[in-house]
C-alpha atoms as a PDB file:
ATOM      1  CA  MET A   1       0.177   0.144  -0.174  1.00  0.00           C
ATOM      2  CA  ILE A   2       3.180   2.758   0.685  1.00  0.00           C
ATOM      3  CA  GLU A   3       4.908   2.285  -2.381  1.00  0.00           C
ATOM      4  CA  TYR A   4       1.348   2.649  -4.463  1.00  0.00           C
ATOM      5  CA  GLU A   5       0.696   5.630  -2.655  1.00  0.00           C
ATOM      6  CA  MET A   6       4.124   6.950  -2.657  1.00  0.00           C
ATOM      7  CA  GLN A   7       4.162   6.471  -6.979  1.00  0.00           C
ATOM      8  CA  ARG A   8       0.709   8.124  -6.820  1.00  0.00           C
ATOM      9  CA  LEU A   9       2.407  11.122  -4.681  1.00  0.00           C
ATOM     10  CA  LEU A  10       5.771  10.841  -7.274  1.00  0.00           C
ATOM     11  CA  GLN A  11       3.289  10.950 -10.077  1.00  0.00           C
ATOM     12  CA  LYS A  12       1.326  14.077  -9.363  1.00  0.00           C
ATOM     13  CA  ALA A  13       3.757  15.993  -7.908  1.00  0.00           C
ATOM     14  CA  LYS A  14       5.987  15.718 -11.231  1.00  0.00           C
ATOM     15  CA  GLU A  15       2.765  16.785 -12.986  1.00  0.00           C
ATOM     16  CA  ASN A  16       2.057  20.060 -10.389  1.00  0.00           C
ATOM     17  CA  GLU A  17       4.984  22.453  -9.167  1.00  0.00           C
ATOM     18  CA  GLN A  18       2.897  23.312  -6.253  1.00  0.00           C
ATOM     19  CA  ILE A  19       2.821  19.765  -4.737  1.00  0.00           C
ATOM     20  CA  ARG A  20       6.220  18.866  -5.641  1.00  0.00           C
ATOM     21  CA  GLN A  21       6.911  22.614  -3.898  1.00  0.00           C
ATOM     22  CA  ARG A  22       5.117  21.597  -1.026  1.00  0.00           C
ATOM     23  CA  LEU A  23       6.905  18.095  -0.447  1.00  0.00           C
ATOM     24  CA  LEU A  24      10.698  19.341  -1.114  1.00  0.00           C
ATOM     25  CA  GLN A  25      10.085  21.594   1.602  1.00  0.00           C
ATOM     26  CA  THR A  26       9.914  19.417   3.976  1.00  0.00           C
ATOM     27  CA  LYS A  27      13.355  18.591   4.421  1.00  0.00           C
ATOM     28  CA  SER A  28      13.737  22.182   5.437  1.00  0.00           C
ATOM     29  CA  ALA A  29      11.452  21.404   8.676  1.00  0.00           C
ATOM     30  CA  PRO A  30      12.157  20.117  12.484  1.00  0.00           C
ATOM     31  CA  ASP A  31      10.880  16.357  11.415  1.00  0.00           C
ATOM     32  CA  PRO A  32      11.498  16.411   7.316  1.00  0.00           C
ATOM     33  CA  LEU A  33       9.226  13.029   7.617  1.00  0.00           C
ATOM     34  CA  LYS A  34       6.154  13.582   9.897  1.00  0.00           C
ATOM     35  CA  ALA A  35       6.076  16.793   7.892  1.00  0.00           C
ATOM     36  CA  PHE A  36       6.305  14.765   4.401  1.00  0.00           C
ATOM     37  CA  CYS A  37       3.460  12.395   6.262  1.00  0.00           C
ATOM     38  CA  ASP A  38       1.332  15.436   6.794  1.00  0.00           C
ATOM     39  CA  GLU A  39       1.537  16.831   3.504  1.00  0.00           C
ATOM     40  CA  ALA A  40       1.059  13.706   1.709  1.00  0.00           C
ATOM     41  CA  ARG A  41      -2.220  13.094   3.986  1.00  0.00           C
ATOM     42  CA  ASP A  42      -2.960  16.773   3.410  1.00  0.00           C
ATOM     43  CA  MET A  43      -3.577  16.027  -0.011  1.00  0.00           C
ATOM     44  CA  GLY A  44      -5.331  12.500   0.075  1.00  0.00           C
ATOM     45  CA  PHE A  45      -2.757  10.272   0.049  1.00  0.00           C
ATOM     46  CA  GLU A  46      -2.789   7.668   2.826  1.00  0.00           C
ATOM     47  CA  ILE A  47       0.669   7.632   4.081  1.00  0.00           C
ATOM     48  CA  TYR A  48       1.494   7.408   7.385  1.00  0.00           C
ATOM     49  CA  LEU A  49       4.814   7.892   9.702  1.00  0.00           C
ATOM     50  CA  GLY A  50       4.778   3.953  10.941  1.00  0.00           C
ATOM     51  CA  GLU A  51       4.297   2.552   7.405  1.00  0.00           C
ATOM     52  CA  LEU A  52       7.126   4.681   6.322  1.00  0.00           C
ATOM     53  CA  PHE A  53       9.546   3.828   9.193  1.00  0.00           C
ATOM     54  CA  ALA A  54       8.089   0.089   8.568  1.00  0.00           C
ATOM     55  CA  TYR A  55       8.771  -0.421   4.607  1.00  0.00           C
ATOM     56  CA  GLY A  56      12.552   1.189   5.172  1.00  0.00           C
ATOM     57  CA  MET A  57      12.768  -1.095   8.388  1.00  0.00           C
ATOM     58  CA  THR A  58      11.543  -4.632   6.396  1.00  0.00           C
ATOM     59  CA  MET A  59      13.941  -3.450   3.278  1.00  0.00           C
ATOM     60  CA  ASN A  60      17.065  -3.098   4.693  1.00  0.00           C
ATOM     61  CA  ASP A  61      16.726  -5.473   6.987  1.00  0.00           C
ATOM     62  CA  ALA A  62      15.868  -7.927   3.543  1.00  0.00           C
ATOM     63  CA  LYS A  63      19.103  -6.105   2.334  1.00  0.00           C
ATOM     64  CA  LEU A  64      22.050  -7.662   5.210  1.00  0.00           C
ATOM     65  CA  ARG A  65      19.747 -11.217   5.467  1.00  0.00           C
ATOM     66  CA  ALA A  66      20.804 -11.493   1.499  1.00  0.00           C
ATOM     67  CA  THR A  67      24.270 -11.004   2.153  1.00  0.00           C
ATOM     68  CA  ASN A  68      25.995 -14.912   2.945  1.00  0.00           C
ATOM     69  CA  GLY A  69      25.960 -15.262   5.893  1.00  0.00           C
ATOM     70  CA  GLY A  70      24.006 -11.636   7.180  1.00  0.00           C
ATOM     71  CA  GLY A  71      25.591  -8.683   6.963  1.00  0.00           C
ATOM     72  CA  SER A  72      26.962  -7.319   9.152  1.00  0.00           C
ATOM     73  CA  PHE A  73      27.903  -3.571   8.478  1.00  0.00           C
ATOM     74  CA  GLU A  74      26.283  -0.664   8.900  1.00  0.00           C
ATOM     75  CA  ILE A  75      23.374   0.736   6.786  1.00  0.00           C
ATOM     76  CA  GLU A  76      23.856   4.402   7.347  1.00  0.00           C
ATOM     77  CA  GLY A  77      23.479   6.000   3.777  1.00  0.00           C
ATOM     78  CA  TRP A  78      21.195   3.164   2.038  1.00  0.00           C
ATOM     79  CA  ASN A  79      18.419   5.343   0.552  1.00  0.00           C
ATOM     80  CA  ASP A  80      14.527   4.697   1.891  1.00  0.00           C
ATOM     81  CA  LEU A  81      11.325   5.584   0.086  1.00  0.00           C
ATOM     82  CA  TYR A  82      11.188   9.751   0.759  1.00  0.00           C
ATOM     83  CA  GLU A  83      14.890   9.822   0.009  1.00  0.00           C
ATOM     84  CA  ASN A  84      14.385   8.156  -2.943  1.00  0.00           C
ATOM     85  CA  LEU A  85      10.864  10.301  -3.872  1.00  0.00           C
ATOM     86  CA  LEU A  86      12.342  13.673  -3.293  1.00  0.00           C
ATOM     87  CA  GLU A  87      15.433  12.952  -5.087  1.00  0.00           C
ATOM     88  CA  GLU A  88      13.255  12.335  -8.290  1.00  0.00           C
ATOM     89  CA  LEU A  89      11.495  15.980  -7.961  1.00  0.00           C
ATOM     90  CA  GLN A  90      15.235  17.349  -7.393  1.00  0.00           C
END
């Protein structure tokens, strides 16, 4: 569900400069992910902070399990849905 909503939001933001700017401005908020989710829901997209975190955790856990014997390195720098969306909008 979260992937679908993020794709829909990305498409709308690419088509509408005002939406694009609203989402990009969340980067400078004190709590960027919360601001992003609040903006998304305000625009009618069902994107919740808990789901965004859970999806990121699940994806990163899967990456670690995919290594031979399990990864023992930090996942710092691995992108998440929020970062990927903003990157595509810049």
